[in-house]
Amino acid sequence: MTSAVRDRDGRLLDFRLEAVNVAAALWAGLDRAAVHGRLATDLLPGLRSAGLFDELERVVTTGRPFRQRGRYEGSVEAGRRFDATYELMAVQHGDGYASAWAERDGGTGSTADLEAVLDQVRAAMPLVRPEASTAPADLRPPT
């Protein structure tokens, strides 16, 4: 799960990693604590050049899910290299996104398993919506 990092004018600058499962941390070769709170483009420097940042921004701004299968290569900030075919999915979650991915050997596998993972993630991490604050009676406008 991520949250948007925006400038004062509301422009999206990056995404902060708020929750990462054990499998994602292992894939990155990092401890979960080292991943939590990091900026997505710091952890995966090739996110922008691969066009994935733009796709994730579209997910957040339009609410339309992203699904793609393709060959990706690059490195995690700590130096772990990857070069494989991945099935990627992302859905909007608040002012950020939830994502799931799987390495696909020879193009096998379906998106159904990733959709199930995202459904479980969203169910386990519901959006926290602040309750409407109630102003003291003397600060309320007259009715």
N, C-alpha and C. Protein backbone atom coordinates (compact mmCIF):
# COMPACT_ATOMS: atom_id res chain seq x y z
N MET A 1 0.83 -1.16 0.00
CA MET A 1 0.00 0.00 0.00
C MET A 1 0.89 1.24 0.00
N THR A 2 0.42 2.24 -0.69
CA THR A 2 1.16 3.49 -0.72
C THR A 2 0.24 4.66 -0.41
N SER A 3 0.85 5.78 -0.16
CA SER A 3 0.12 7.04 -0.08
C SER A 3 0.84 8.03 -0.98
N ALA A 4 0.07 8.95 -1.54
CA ALA A 4 0.64 9.94 -2.45
C ALA A 4 1.47 10.95 -1.68
N VAL A 5 2.56 11.37 -2.27
CA VAL A 5 3.38 12.46 -1.75
C VAL A 5 3.17 13.60 -2.74
N ARG A 6 2.62 14.70 -2.25
CA ARG A 6 2.27 15.82 -3.12
C ARG A 6 2.98 17.10 -2.69
N ASP A 7 3.12 18.01 -3.65
CA ASP A 7 3.69 19.31 -3.31
C ASP A 7 2.57 20.21 -2.81
N ARG A 8 2.88 21.44 -2.50
CA ARG A 8 1.89 22.37 -1.93
C ARG A 8 0.72 22.63 -2.87
N ASP A 9 0.96 22.48 -4.16
CA ASP A 9 -0.10 22.71 -5.14
C ASP A 9 -0.89 21.45 -5.46
N GLY A 10 -0.58 20.36 -4.77
CA GLY A 10 -1.32 19.12 -4.97
C GLY A 10 -0.78 18.23 -6.07
N ARG A 11 0.33 18.64 -6.69
CA ARG A 11 0.90 17.80 -7.75
C ARG A 11 1.55 16.57 -7.13
N LEU A 12 1.32 15.43 -7.77
CA LEU A 12 1.88 14.17 -7.29
C LEU A 12 3.37 14.12 -7.59
N LEU A 13 4.15 13.90 -6.54
CA LEU A 13 5.60 13.83 -6.68
C LEU A 13 6.12 12.41 -6.61
N ASP A 14 5.51 11.61 -5.74
CA ASP A 14 6.00 10.25 -5.52
C ASP A 14 4.95 9.49 -4.71
N PHE A 15 5.28 8.27 -4.34
CA PHE A 15 4.42 7.46 -3.49
C PHE A 15 5.25 6.95 -2.31
N ARG A 16 4.68 7.02 -1.11
CA ARG A 16 5.34 6.51 0.08
C ARG A 16 4.81 5.11 0.37
N LEU A 17 5.72 4.16 0.60
CA LEU A 17 5.33 2.80 0.91
C LEU A 17 4.87 2.73 2.37
N GLU A 18 3.60 2.44 2.56
CA GLU A 18 3.00 2.42 3.90
C GLU A 18 2.92 1.01 4.47
N ALA A 19 2.71 0.03 3.63
CA ALA A 19 2.60 -1.36 4.07
C ALA A 19 3.18 -2.25 2.99
N VAL A 20 4.06 -3.13 3.39
CA VAL A 20 4.71 -4.05 2.46
C VAL A 20 4.68 -5.44 3.09
N ASN A 21 4.27 -6.43 2.31
CA ASN A 21 4.23 -7.78 2.89
C ASN A 21 5.62 -8.41 2.88
N VAL A 22 5.73 -9.52 3.56
CA VAL A 22 7.02 -10.21 3.70
C VAL A 22 7.57 -10.61 2.33
N ALA A 23 6.70 -11.10 1.45
CA ALA A 23 7.16 -11.55 0.12
C ALA A 23 7.78 -10.39 -0.67
N ALA A 24 7.17 -9.21 -0.61
CA ALA A 24 7.72 -8.06 -1.33
C ALA A 24 9.07 -7.64 -0.76
N ALA A 25 9.19 -7.65 0.55
CA ALA A 25 10.47 -7.29 1.19
C ALA A 25 11.55 -8.31 0.82
N LEU A 26 11.20 -9.59 0.83
CA LEU A 26 12.17 -10.62 0.44
C LEU A 26 12.59 -10.44 -1.01
N TRP A 27 11.61 -10.15 -1.89
CA TRP A 27 11.92 -9.93 -3.30
C TRP A 27 12.92 -8.77 -3.44
N ALA A 28 12.72 -7.72 -2.66
CA ALA A 28 13.60 -6.55 -2.73
C ALA A 28 14.94 -6.81 -2.06
N GLY A 29 15.02 -7.88 -1.28
CA GLY A 29 16.26 -8.17 -0.56
C GLY A 29 16.47 -7.28 0.64
N LEU A 30 15.37 -6.77 1.20
CA LEU A 30 15.44 -5.84 2.33
C LEU A 30 14.52 -6.30 3.45
N ASP A 31 14.81 -5.86 4.64
CA ASP A 31 13.94 -6.08 5.77
C ASP A 31 12.70 -5.21 5.60
N ARG A 32 11.54 -5.70 6.03
CA ARG A 32 10.30 -4.92 5.90
C ARG A 32 10.43 -3.55 6.53
N ALA A 33 11.09 -3.47 7.67
CA ALA A 33 11.25 -2.18 8.35
C ALA A 33 12.05 -1.19 7.49
N ALA A 34 12.95 -1.71 6.68
CA ALA A 34 13.76 -0.84 5.82
C ALA A 34 12.98 -0.34 4.62
N VAL A 35 11.89 -1.00 4.30
CA VAL A 35 11.07 -0.61 3.15
C VAL A 35 9.97 0.36 3.57
N HIS A 36 9.41 0.15 4.74
CA HIS A 36 8.31 0.97 5.23
C HIS A 36 8.70 2.45 5.28
N GLY A 37 7.85 3.28 4.71
CA GLY A 37 8.07 4.72 4.74
C GLY A 37 8.95 5.25 3.61
N ARG A 38 9.51 4.37 2.81
CA ARG A 38 10.39 4.79 1.71
C ARG A 38 9.58 5.32 0.54
N LEU A 39 10.21 6.13 -0.28
CA LEU A 39 9.59 6.60 -1.51
C LEU A 39 9.76 5.53 -2.58
N ALA A 40 8.71 5.30 -3.33
CA ALA A 40 8.72 4.24 -4.34
C ALA A 40 9.84 4.45 -5.36
N THR A 41 10.06 5.70 -5.80
CA THR A 41 11.08 5.93 -6.83
C THR A 41 12.50 5.86 -6.27
N ASP A 42 12.66 5.98 -4.96
CA ASP A 42 13.98 5.76 -4.36
C ASP A 42 14.29 4.27 -4.32
N LEU A 43 13.28 3.49 -3.97
CA LEU A 43 13.47 2.05 -3.86
C LEU A 43 13.62 1.39 -5.23
N LEU A 44 12.82 1.84 -6.19
CA LEU A 44 12.88 1.32 -7.56
C LEU A 44 13.17 2.48 -8.51
N PRO A 45 14.45 2.80 -8.70
CA PRO A 45 14.82 3.96 -9.51
C PRO A 45 14.29 3.92 -10.94
N GLY A 46 14.03 2.76 -11.50
CA GLY A 46 13.56 2.66 -12.88
C GLY A 46 12.05 2.77 -13.03
N LEU A 47 11.34 3.06 -11.96
CA LEU A 47 9.89 3.14 -12.01
C LEU A 47 9.40 4.16 -13.03
N ARG A 48 10.05 5.30 -13.08
CA ARG A 48 9.64 6.35 -14.03
C ARG A 48 10.04 5.99 -15.45
N SER A 49 11.26 5.56 -15.65
CA SER A 49 11.73 5.29 -17.03
C SER A 49 10.99 4.12 -17.67
N ALA A 50 10.47 3.20 -16.86
CA ALA A 50 9.70 2.08 -17.40
C ALA A 50 8.25 2.48 -17.70
N GLY A 51 7.87 3.72 -17.32
CA GLY A 51 6.51 4.18 -17.55
C GLY A 51 5.53 3.75 -16.48
N LEU A 52 6.00 3.04 -15.47
CA LEU A 52 5.10 2.54 -14.44
C LEU A 52 4.63 3.63 -13.49
N PHE A 53 5.48 4.62 -13.24
CA PHE A 53 5.04 5.72 -12.36
C PHE A 53 3.83 6.42 -12.97
N ASP A 54 3.87 6.69 -14.27
CA ASP A 54 2.74 7.34 -14.94
C ASP A 54 1.47 6.50 -14.83
N GLU A 55 1.62 5.19 -14.95
CA GLU A 55 0.46 4.30 -14.82
C GLU A 55 -0.10 4.34 -13.40
N LEU A 56 0.77 4.35 -12.41
CA LEU A 56 0.32 4.41 -11.02
C LEU A 56 -0.34 5.75 -10.71
N GLU A 57 0.19 6.81 -11.27
CA GLU A 57 -0.42 8.13 -11.10
C GLU A 57 -1.83 8.12 -11.71
N ARG A 58 -1.98 7.48 -12.87
CA ARG A 58 -3.29 7.38 -13.51
C ARG A 58 -4.27 6.61 -12.63
N VAL A 59 -3.80 5.54 -11.98
CA VAL A 59 -4.65 4.77 -11.08
C VAL A 59 -5.20 5.68 -9.99
N VAL A 60 -4.34 6.49 -9.40
CA VAL A 60 -4.74 7.35 -8.29
C VAL A 60 -5.64 8.49 -8.76
N THR A 61 -5.37 9.06 -9.92
CA THR A 61 -6.16 10.21 -10.37
C THR A 61 -7.49 9.82 -11.01
N THR A 62 -7.56 8.64 -11.62
CA THR A 62 -8.80 8.24 -12.30
C THR A 62 -9.58 7.16 -11.56
N GLY A 63 -8.90 6.40 -10.70
CA GLY A 63 -9.56 5.29 -10.03
C GLY A 63 -9.63 4.03 -10.89
N ARG A 64 -9.11 4.08 -12.11
CA ARG A 64 -9.13 2.90 -12.98
C ARG A 64 -7.96 1.99 -12.64
N PRO A 65 -8.21 0.69 -12.44
CA PRO A 65 -7.12 -0.26 -12.14
C PRO A 65 -6.13 -0.37 -13.28
N PHE A 66 -4.94 -0.80 -12.95
CA PHE A 66 -3.86 -1.02 -13.92
C PHE A 66 -3.51 -2.49 -13.91
N ARG A 67 -3.41 -3.07 -15.09
CA ARG A 67 -2.97 -4.46 -15.24
C ARG A 67 -2.04 -4.52 -16.43
N GLN A 68 -0.93 -5.21 -16.23
CA GLN A 68 0.03 -5.33 -17.33
C GLN A 68 0.93 -6.53 -17.10
N ARG A 69 1.25 -7.18 -18.18
CA ARG A 69 2.24 -8.25 -18.13
C ARG A 69 3.36 -7.82 -19.08
N GLY A 70 4.58 -7.92 -18.59
CA GLY A 70 5.69 -7.52 -19.44
C GLY A 70 7.02 -7.90 -18.83
N ARG A 71 8.03 -7.74 -19.62
CA ARG A 71 9.39 -8.03 -19.17
C ARG A 71 9.95 -6.75 -18.58
N TYR A 72 10.45 -6.86 -17.37
CA TYR A 72 11.03 -5.71 -16.69
C TYR A 72 12.41 -6.08 -16.19
N GLU A 73 13.31 -5.11 -16.27
CA GLU A 73 14.63 -5.30 -15.69
C GLU A 73 15.03 -4.00 -15.01
N GLY A 74 15.82 -4.15 -13.99
CA GLY A 74 16.26 -2.98 -13.25
C GLY A 74 16.91 -3.42 -11.97
N SER A 75 16.86 -2.52 -10.99
CA SER A 75 17.45 -2.87 -9.70
C SER A 75 16.66 -2.19 -8.60
N VAL A 76 16.75 -2.81 -7.44
CA VAL A 76 16.23 -2.22 -6.22
C VAL A 76 17.35 -1.36 -5.69
N GLU A 77 17.03 -0.32 -5.00
CA GLU A 77 18.03 0.63 -4.50
C GLU A 77 19.24 -0.06 -3.86
N ALA A 78 18.99 -1.09 -3.10
CA ALA A 78 20.08 -1.77 -2.41
C ALA A 78 20.97 -2.58 -3.36
N GLY A 79 20.60 -2.62 -4.64
CA GLY A 79 21.46 -3.28 -5.61
C GLY A 79 20.95 -4.59 -6.16
N ARG A 80 19.85 -5.13 -5.60
CA ARG A 80 19.31 -6.38 -6.13
C ARG A 80 18.83 -6.15 -7.56
N ARG A 81 19.36 -6.92 -8.49
CA ARG A 81 18.98 -6.83 -9.90
C ARG A 81 17.82 -7.78 -10.17
N PHE A 82 16.95 -7.38 -11.10
CA PHE A 82 15.88 -8.27 -11.53
C PHE A 82 15.72 -8.15 -13.04
N ASP A 83 15.34 -9.23 -13.64
CA ASP A 83 15.11 -9.29 -15.08
C ASP A 83 14.18 -10.47 -15.30
N ALA A 84 12.88 -10.19 -15.44
CA ALA A 84 11.91 -11.27 -15.55
C ALA A 84 10.61 -10.73 -16.14
N THR A 85 9.72 -11.63 -16.44
CA THR A 85 8.38 -11.27 -16.88
C THR A 85 7.49 -11.22 -15.64
N TYR A 86 6.81 -10.09 -15.48
CA TYR A 86 5.97 -9.89 -14.31
C TYR A 86 4.54 -9.58 -14.75
N GLU A 87 3.62 -10.05 -13.95
CA GLU A 87 2.22 -9.65 -14.05
C GLU A 87 2.03 -8.62 -12.95
N LEU A 88 1.63 -7.41 -13.33
CA LEU A 88 1.48 -6.31 -12.38
C LEU A 88 0.03 -5.87 -12.31
N MET A 89 -0.42 -5.54 -11.12
CA MET A 89 -1.76 -4.99 -10.93
C MET A 89 -1.69 -3.91 -9.85
N ALA A 90 -2.48 -2.87 -10.03
CA ALA A 90 -2.59 -1.83 -9.01
C ALA A 90 -4.02 -1.29 -9.03
N VAL A 91 -4.53 -1.00 -7.85
CA VAL A 91 -5.85 -0.40 -7.70
C VAL A 91 -5.74 0.78 -6.75
N GLN A 92 -6.62 1.74 -6.94
CA GLN A 92 -6.63 2.92 -6.07
C GLN A 92 -7.01 2.51 -4.65
N HIS A 93 -6.34 3.11 -3.70
CA HIS A 93 -6.68 2.92 -2.29
C HIS A 93 -6.46 4.26 -1.61
N GLY A 94 -7.53 4.98 -1.38
CA GLY A 94 -7.41 6.33 -0.83
C GLY A 94 -6.65 7.21 -1.81
N ASP A 95 -5.69 7.97 -1.30
CA ASP A 95 -4.85 8.82 -2.15
C ASP A 95 -3.53 8.09 -2.40
N GLY A 96 -3.65 6.85 -2.81
CA GLY A 96 -2.49 6.02 -3.12
C GLY A 96 -2.97 4.79 -3.86
N TYR A 97 -2.20 3.74 -3.79
CA TYR A 97 -2.60 2.52 -4.48
C TYR A 97 -2.16 1.29 -3.69
N ALA A 98 -2.84 0.20 -3.97
CA ALA A 98 -2.44 -1.11 -3.49
C ALA A 98 -2.00 -1.88 -4.73
N SER A 99 -0.93 -2.63 -4.62
CA SER A 99 -0.44 -3.35 -5.79
C SER A 99 -0.09 -4.78 -5.44
N ALA A 100 -0.06 -5.59 -6.47
CA ALA A 100 0.38 -6.98 -6.35
C ALA A 100 1.08 -7.33 -7.65
N TRP A 101 2.03 -8.21 -7.55
CA TRP A 101 2.71 -8.66 -8.76
C TRP A 101 3.19 -10.08 -8.56
N ALA A 102 3.42 -10.73 -9.69
CA ALA A 102 3.92 -12.09 -9.65
C ALA A 102 4.86 -12.28 -10.83
N GLU A 103 5.93 -12.98 -10.58
CA GLU A 103 6.84 -13.32 -11.68
C GLU A 103 6.19 -14.44 -12.46
N ARG A 104 6.16 -14.31 -13.78
CA ARG A 104 5.50 -15.29 -14.63
C ARG A 104 6.54 -15.99 -15.48
N ASP A 105 6.62 -17.28 -15.30
CA ASP A 105 7.56 -18.11 -16.06
C ASP A 105 6.89 -18.57 -17.34
N GLY A 106 7.43 -18.15 -18.47
CA GLY A 106 6.87 -18.60 -19.75
C GLY A 106 5.47 -18.09 -20.03
N GLY A 107 5.08 -17.00 -19.37
CA GLY A 107 3.78 -16.41 -19.66
C GLY A 107 2.61 -17.15 -19.05
N THR A 108 2.84 -18.06 -18.11
CA THR A 108 1.73 -18.79 -17.50
C THR A 108 1.17 -18.02 -16.32
N GLY A 109 0.00 -18.39 -15.90
CA GLY A 109 -0.63 -17.75 -14.75
C GLY A 109 -1.72 -16.81 -15.20
N SER A 110 -2.62 -16.51 -14.27
CA SER A 110 -3.73 -15.63 -14.63
C SER A 110 -3.78 -14.47 -13.65
N THR A 111 -4.53 -13.46 -14.05
CA THR A 111 -4.67 -12.30 -13.17
C THR A 111 -5.61 -12.59 -12.01
N ALA A 112 -6.36 -13.68 -12.07
CA ALA A 112 -7.32 -13.98 -11.00
C ALA A 112 -6.64 -14.09 -9.64
N ASP A 113 -5.46 -14.71 -9.59
CA ASP A 113 -4.77 -14.84 -8.31
C ASP A 113 -4.33 -13.48 -7.78
N LEU A 114 -3.89 -12.59 -8.65
CA LEU A 114 -3.49 -11.25 -8.20
C LEU A 114 -4.70 -10.44 -7.76
N GLU A 115 -5.82 -10.59 -8.46
CA GLU A 115 -7.04 -9.89 -8.05
C GLU A 115 -7.46 -10.35 -6.67
N ALA A 116 -7.35 -11.63 -6.40
CA ALA A 116 -7.70 -12.15 -5.07
C ALA A 116 -6.79 -11.57 -4.00
N VAL A 117 -5.50 -11.44 -4.30
CA VAL A 117 -4.56 -10.85 -3.35
C VAL A 117 -4.96 -9.41 -3.06
N LEU A 118 -5.26 -8.64 -4.09
CA LEU A 118 -5.63 -7.24 -3.88
C LEU A 118 -6.94 -7.13 -3.09
N ASP A 119 -7.88 -8.01 -3.36
CA ASP A 119 -9.12 -8.00 -2.58
C ASP A 119 -8.84 -8.25 -1.11
N GLN A 120 -7.95 -9.19 -0.82
CA GLN A 120 -7.60 -9.50 0.57
C GLN A 120 -6.89 -8.32 1.22
N VAL A 121 -6.00 -7.67 0.47
CA VAL A 121 -5.27 -6.52 1.02
C VAL A 121 -6.23 -5.40 1.35
N ARG A 122 -7.13 -5.09 0.44
CA ARG A 122 -8.08 -4.00 0.68
C ARG A 122 -9.00 -4.33 1.85
N ALA A 123 -9.39 -5.59 1.99
CA ALA A 123 -10.25 -5.97 3.10
C ALA A 123 -9.51 -5.88 4.43
N ALA A 124 -8.24 -6.23 4.43
CA ALA A 124 -7.45 -6.22 5.66
C ALA A 124 -7.03 -4.81 6.05
N MET A 125 -6.95 -3.90 5.08
CA MET A 125 -6.48 -2.54 5.35
C MET A 125 -7.50 -1.54 4.85
N PRO A 126 -8.66 -1.47 5.48
CA PRO A 126 -9.68 -0.52 5.03
C PRO A 126 -9.19 0.90 5.21
N LEU A 127 -9.77 1.77 4.43
CA LEU A 127 -9.43 3.18 4.56
C LEU A 127 -9.91 3.70 5.89
N VAL A 128 -9.11 4.49 6.52
CA VAL A 128 -9.52 5.14 7.76
C VAL A 128 -10.06 6.50 7.38
N ARG A 129 -11.31 6.71 7.68
CA ARG A 129 -11.94 7.99 7.36
C ARG A 129 -12.17 8.74 8.66
N PRO A 130 -11.60 9.94 8.77
CA PRO A 130 -11.80 10.69 10.01
C PRO A 130 -13.28 11.02 10.21
N GLU A 131 -13.71 10.92 11.43
CA GLU A 131 -15.10 11.28 11.75
C GLU A 131 -15.23 12.79 11.63
N ALA A 132 -16.41 13.22 11.26
CA ALA A 132 -16.66 14.66 11.18
C ALA A 132 -16.50 15.24 12.58
N SER A 133 -15.71 16.29 12.68
CA SER A 133 -15.52 16.88 14.00
C SER A 133 -16.74 17.71 14.36
N THR A 134 -17.01 17.74 15.62
CA THR A 134 -18.16 18.50 16.09
C THR A 134 -17.63 19.72 16.83
N ALA A 135 -17.98 20.86 16.31
CA ALA A 135 -17.53 22.10 16.95
C ALA A 135 -18.37 22.37 18.18
N PRO A 136 -17.79 23.02 19.18
CA PRO A 136 -18.58 23.40 20.36
C PRO A 136 -19.78 24.23 19.95
N ALA A 137 -20.84 24.14 20.74
CA ALA A 137 -22.11 24.82 20.40
C ALA A 137 -21.92 26.31 20.16
N ASP A 138 -21.03 26.97 20.91
CA ASP A 138 -20.87 28.43 20.74
C ASP A 138 -20.14 28.80 19.47
N LEU A 139 -19.55 27.83 18.77
CA LEU A 139 -18.86 28.14 17.52
C LEU A 139 -19.69 27.78 16.29
N ARG A 140 -20.85 27.18 16.50
CA ARG A 140 -21.70 26.82 15.38
C ARG A 140 -22.46 28.04 14.90
N PRO A 141 -22.68 28.12 13.58
CA PRO A 141 -23.47 29.26 13.09
C PRO A 141 -24.91 29.14 13.58
N PRO A 142 -25.56 30.26 13.75
CA PRO A 142 -26.97 30.21 14.21
C PRO A 142 -27.83 29.51 13.18
N THR A 143 -28.84 28.81 13.67
CA THR A 143 -29.75 28.10 12.75
C THR A 143 -31.08 28.81 12.63
